[in-house]
Amino acid sequence: MLMGGHSTLTERQLLSKQNTKVAARSRRDGEFADGDTQDWSSCSKSVEAYVAGLEEGIMETRNDLPAETRRDVAETLNHVLAIVSDLYSQTKQAHWNVRGPQFYMQHKLFDEVAESVEEHIDTLAERVVQLGFKARGTVRQAATESSLPEFPTEQRDDLDFTYALSDRFAQAATETRKGIEDCEVAGDTDSADILTQISRDLDKSLWFLEAQFRAIGDGSQEPTAENTRFPQRSMQPAGR
């Protein structure tokens, strides 16, 4: 690459130069005896390992979790990050475009549940970086990695967006709980705790959404905004 008319050094070249400087200082200070190639070899291998880690996306950290654990957990968290980011954008889409007699109530509700999702995005991304990896948090990355279906472009009746969001919040909660299990198996209880809080909030938002079309009382009374044009949607948990 060129910058200001001069060639820039690659990461490997920079570390190689640093490697040479470390060796020079060490020999100058008597840290390595003449002919002591074992210590120098160890230093060189350490630098090479660091470079290899950079090439794999691993960043240097003193976090004591094993590298394999951190790698597996980071993948899990990035997957949930994509789902949560996608869920947030879909919920805002519903918030902006909802129409009908219940507009104001649903407009406010969708905004509130969107905020409950958004507050976890930063925590997820930062945890990935704390583990020594890169967070994949752009809109395009989320769209590529999220398992959520695309949000409907048309609202067919008063509760259409509410049903659509309920499905997606349920699926996101299910995926998050799978992530909790993966983190626990890997041995990262801290990341499991983060996902546990997310799953609680997703369940709470799902409760708020489903309350809009649940039967009242003993079930004999119909919801106030009955869907008469389309068959009743299933309320089975996502993925079943």
Protein backbone atom coordinates (compact mmCIF):
# COMPACT_ATOMS: atom_id res chain seq x y z
CA MET A 1 0.00 0.00 0.00
CA LEU A 2 1.05 3.60 -0.54
CA MET A 3 0.58 6.46 1.88
CA GLY A 4 1.90 9.97 1.20
CA GLY A 5 3.99 8.63 -1.68
CA HIS A 6 5.89 6.13 0.49
CA SER A 7 5.42 2.40 0.83
CA THR A 8 3.93 1.35 4.14
CA LEU A 9 5.20 -1.66 6.04
CA THR A 10 3.06 -4.72 6.50
CA GLU A 11 2.20 -6.00 9.98
CA ARG A 12 4.71 -8.82 9.54
CA GLN A 13 7.46 -6.41 8.47
CA LEU A 14 6.79 -4.14 11.43
CA LEU A 15 6.96 -7.04 13.84
CA SER A 16 10.12 -8.31 12.17
CA LYS A 17 11.72 -4.92 12.74
CA GLN A 18 10.51 -4.95 16.33
CA ASN A 19 11.91 -8.46 16.68
CA THR A 20 15.33 -7.21 15.59
CA LYS A 21 15.19 -4.26 18.01
CA VAL A 22 14.29 -6.57 20.91
CA ALA A 23 17.20 -8.82 20.08
CA ALA A 24 19.61 -5.88 19.83
CA ARG A 25 18.52 -4.47 23.20
CA SER A 26 18.66 -7.91 24.81
CA ARG A 27 22.17 -8.58 23.57
CA ARG A 28 23.29 -5.05 24.51
CA ASP A 29 21.94 -5.45 28.04
CA GLY A 30 23.47 -8.88 28.43
CA GLU A 31 20.10 -10.57 28.51
CA PHE A 32 21.31 -13.14 25.97
CA ALA A 33 24.81 -14.52 26.21
CA ASP A 34 26.86 -14.80 23.02
CA GLY A 35 25.86 -17.95 21.21
CA ASP A 36 22.74 -18.38 23.35
CA THR A 37 20.47 -19.26 20.46
CA GLN A 38 17.79 -21.03 22.51
CA ASP A 39 16.45 -17.84 24.14
CA TRP A 40 16.63 -15.97 20.85
CA SER A 41 14.82 -18.80 19.10
CA SER A 42 12.08 -18.72 21.75
CA CYS A 43 11.69 -14.96 21.29
CA SER A 44 11.51 -15.35 17.52
CA LYS A 45 8.90 -18.09 17.74
CA SER A 46 6.83 -15.97 20.09
CA VAL A 47 6.78 -13.12 17.58
CA GLU A 48 5.95 -15.49 14.73
CA ALA A 49 3.09 -16.96 16.76
CA TYR A 50 1.78 -13.46 17.41
CA VAL A 51 1.89 -12.66 13.68
CA ALA A 52 0.10 -15.90 12.84
CA GLY A 53 -2.55 -14.99 15.39
CA LEU A 54 -3.07 -11.62 13.73
CA GLU A 55 -3.51 -13.30 10.37
CA GLU A 56 -6.24 -15.52 11.87
CA GLY A 57 -8.00 -12.53 13.41
CA ILE A 58 -6.72 -13.17 16.93
CA MET A 59 -5.55 -10.16 18.92
CA GLU A 60 -3.04 -10.34 21.76
CA THR A 61 -4.66 -10.51 25.20
CA ARG A 62 -3.79 -11.58 28.72
CA ASN A 63 -7.23 -13.14 29.11
CA ASP A 64 -6.54 -16.54 30.68
CA LEU A 65 -9.21 -18.45 28.78
CA PRO A 66 -7.66 -20.95 26.34
CA ALA A 67 -7.34 -19.64 22.77
CA GLU A 68 -9.62 -22.39 21.44
CA THR A 69 -12.30 -21.47 23.99
CA ARG A 70 -12.06 -17.81 23.09
CA ARG A 71 -12.27 -18.61 19.38
CA ASP A 72 -15.37 -20.80 19.78
CA VAL A 73 -17.12 -18.35 22.07
CA ALA A 74 -16.30 -15.40 19.81
CA GLU A 75 -17.97 -17.22 16.91
CA THR A 76 -21.03 -17.88 19.04
CA LEU A 77 -21.22 -14.26 20.17
CA ASN A 78 -20.78 -12.96 16.62
CA HIS A 79 -23.66 -15.19 15.53
CA VAL A 80 -25.92 -13.80 18.25
CA LEU A 81 -24.67 -10.29 17.46
CA ALA A 82 -25.86 -10.71 13.87
CA ILE A 83 -29.27 -11.95 15.00
CA VAL A 84 -29.73 -9.21 17.60
CA SER A 85 -28.63 -6.50 15.15
CA ASP A 86 -31.01 -7.83 12.51
CA LEU A 87 -33.83 -8.08 15.06
CA TYR A 88 -33.28 -4.46 16.08
CA SER A 89 -33.46 -3.19 12.51
CA GLN A 90 -36.58 -5.26 11.77
CA THR A 91 -38.29 -3.98 14.90
CA LYS A 92 -37.54 -0.40 13.91
CA GLN A 93 -38.93 -1.18 10.46
CA ALA A 94 -42.19 -2.21 12.11
CA HIS A 95 -42.11 0.87 14.35
CA TRP A 96 -41.79 3.20 11.36
CA ASN A 97 -44.33 1.55 9.05
CA VAL A 98 -47.13 0.23 11.27
CA ARG A 99 -50.62 1.55 10.42
CA GLY A 100 -54.19 1.02 11.56
CA PRO A 101 -56.54 1.69 14.50
CA GLN A 102 -53.88 0.56 17.01
CA PHE A 103 -51.12 2.61 15.41
CA TYR A 104 -50.09 4.70 18.42
CA MET A 105 -50.00 1.80 20.89
CA GLN A 106 -48.07 -0.46 18.50
CA HIS A 107 -45.78 2.36 17.37
CA LYS A 108 -44.76 2.96 20.99
CA LEU A 109 -44.53 -0.74 21.86
CA PHE A 110 -42.30 -1.55 18.89
CA ASP A 111 -39.97 1.31 19.80
CA GLU A 112 -39.69 0.09 23.40
CA VAL A 113 -38.88 -3.49 22.48
CA ALA A 114 -36.39 -2.23 19.89
CA GLU A 115 -34.57 -0.28 22.59
CA SER A 116 -34.43 -3.37 24.78
CA VAL A 117 -32.62 -5.15 21.95
CA GLU A 118 -30.30 -2.29 21.01
CA GLU A 119 -28.79 -2.01 24.49
CA HIS A 120 -27.23 -5.47 24.12
CA ILE A 121 -25.51 -4.89 20.78
CA ASP A 122 -22.58 -2.95 22.23
CA THR A 123 -22.09 -5.45 25.07
CA LEU A 124 -21.94 -8.38 22.64
CA ALA A 125 -19.50 -6.70 20.26
CA GLU A 126 -17.20 -5.56 23.07
CA ARG A 127 -17.12 -9.05 24.58
CA VAL A 128 -15.95 -10.49 21.26
CA VAL A 129 -13.08 -7.98 21.18
CA GLN A 130 -12.25 -8.64 24.84
CA LEU A 131 -11.71 -12.28 23.88
CA GLY A 132 -9.16 -11.22 21.28
CA PHE A 133 -11.24 -11.34 18.11
CA LYS A 134 -12.98 -8.91 15.80
CA ALA A 135 -16.67 -8.15 16.15
CA ARG A 136 -18.64 -8.53 12.91
CA GLY A 137 -21.18 -5.79 13.44
CA THR A 138 -21.87 -4.00 10.18
CA VAL A 139 -25.33 -4.01 8.67
CA ARG A 140 -24.13 -6.13 5.74
CA GLN A 141 -22.41 -8.63 8.03
CA ALA A 142 -25.53 -8.94 10.16
CA ALA A 143 -27.70 -9.49 7.08
CA THR A 144 -25.34 -12.20 5.85
CA GLU A 145 -25.03 -14.08 9.15
CA SER A 146 -28.49 -13.65 10.70
CA SER A 147 -30.82 -16.64 10.56
CA LEU A 148 -33.96 -14.48 10.91
CA PRO A 149 -36.33 -14.33 7.93
CA GLU A 150 -36.77 -11.01 6.15
CA PHE A 151 -39.43 -8.73 7.60
CA PRO A 152 -42.65 -8.45 5.55
CA THR A 153 -42.89 -5.37 3.38
CA GLU A 154 -46.67 -5.14 3.54
CA GLN A 155 -48.98 -4.92 6.54
CA ARG A 156 -52.09 -6.97 5.78
CA ASP A 157 -54.05 -6.32 8.98
CA ASP A 158 -53.86 -4.62 12.38
CA LEU A 159 -51.78 -7.33 14.05
CA ASP A 160 -49.66 -8.47 11.12
CA PHE A 161 -46.45 -6.77 12.28
CA THR A 162 -47.07 -7.88 15.86
CA TYR A 163 -47.25 -11.51 14.77
CA ALA A 164 -44.17 -11.11 12.58
CA LEU A 165 -42.14 -9.59 15.41
CA SER A 166 -43.34 -12.27 17.84
CA ASP A 167 -41.99 -14.96 15.53
CA ARG A 168 -38.64 -13.22 15.25
CA PHE A 169 -38.24 -12.47 18.96
CA ALA A 170 -39.04 -16.11 19.72
CA GLN A 171 -36.46 -17.34 17.21
CA ALA A 172 -33.84 -14.91 18.51
CA ALA A 173 -34.44 -16.12 22.08
CA THR A 174 -34.10 -19.74 20.97
CA GLU A 175 -30.81 -19.02 19.17
CA THR A 176 -29.52 -17.10 22.18
CA ARG A 177 -30.24 -20.01 24.52
CA LYS A 178 -28.30 -22.30 22.19
CA GLY A 179 -25.46 -19.82 22.53
CA ILE A 180 -25.67 -20.01 26.32
CA GLU A 181 -25.19 -23.77 26.14
CA ASP A 182 -22.26 -23.42 23.74
CA CYS A 183 -20.52 -20.90 26.01
CA GLU A 184 -21.02 -23.07 29.08
CA VAL A 185 -19.65 -26.14 27.29
CA ALA A 186 -16.66 -24.10 26.14
CA GLY A 187 -16.04 -22.95 29.72
CA ASP A 188 -16.79 -19.22 29.41
CA THR A 189 -19.36 -18.51 32.10
CA ASP A 190 -18.99 -14.74 31.72
CA SER A 191 -20.15 -14.83 28.11
CA ALA A 192 -22.91 -17.25 29.09
CA ASP A 193 -24.11 -14.69 31.65
CA ILE A 194 -24.27 -11.99 28.96
CA LEU A 195 -26.40 -14.20 26.74
CA THR A 196 -28.60 -15.18 29.69
CA GLN A 197 -29.52 -11.53 30.27
CA ILE A 198 -30.24 -11.11 26.57
CA SER A 199 -32.53 -14.14 26.54
CA ARG A 200 -34.43 -12.79 29.55
CA ASP A 201 -35.04 -9.48 27.82
CA LEU A 202 -36.07 -11.18 24.59
CA ASP A 203 -38.58 -13.31 26.50
CA LYS A 204 -39.97 -10.22 28.20
CA SER A 205 -40.41 -8.43 24.88
CA LEU A 206 -42.03 -11.54 23.42
CA TRP A 207 -44.49 -11.49 26.31
CA PHE A 208 -45.37 -7.86 25.55
CA LEU A 209 -45.91 -8.67 21.88
CA GLU A 210 -47.94 -11.84 22.37
CA ALA A 211 -50.19 -10.09 24.89
CA GLN A 212 -51.59 -8.08 21.98
CA PHE A 213 -53.31 -11.14 20.49
CA ARG A 214 -53.81 -13.49 23.42
CA ALA A 215 -57.35 -14.33 24.52
CA ILE A 216 -58.70 -12.40 27.51
CA GLY A 217 -59.88 -13.99 30.77
CA ASP A 218 -60.69 -17.68 30.52
CA GLY A 219 -60.13 -17.72 26.77
CA SER A 220 -63.79 -17.38 25.82
CA GLN A 221 -63.40 -13.74 24.82
CA GLU A 222 -61.73 -12.92 21.52
CA PRO A 223 -58.83 -10.46 21.25
CA THR A 224 -59.92 -6.87 20.66
CA ALA A 225 -58.35 -6.82 17.18
CA GLU A 226 -59.23 -10.20 15.73
CA ASN A 227 -57.61 -11.17 12.48
CA THR A 228 -60.61 -11.98 10.27
CA ARG A 229 -58.94 -11.94 6.87
CA PHE A 230 -56.19 -14.48 7.54
CA PRO A 231 -56.09 -17.73 9.55
CA GLN A 232 -54.86 -17.63 13.15
CA ARG A 233 -51.08 -17.92 13.35
CA SER A 234 -49.44 -20.68 15.28
CA MET A 235 -48.07 -19.77 18.71
CA GLN A 236 -45.69 -22.73 18.83
CA PRO A 237 -42.12 -21.83 19.87
CA ALA A 238 -39.83 -21.01 16.96
CA GLY A 239 -38.16 -24.00 15.37
CA ARG A 240 -40.85 -26.51 16.40
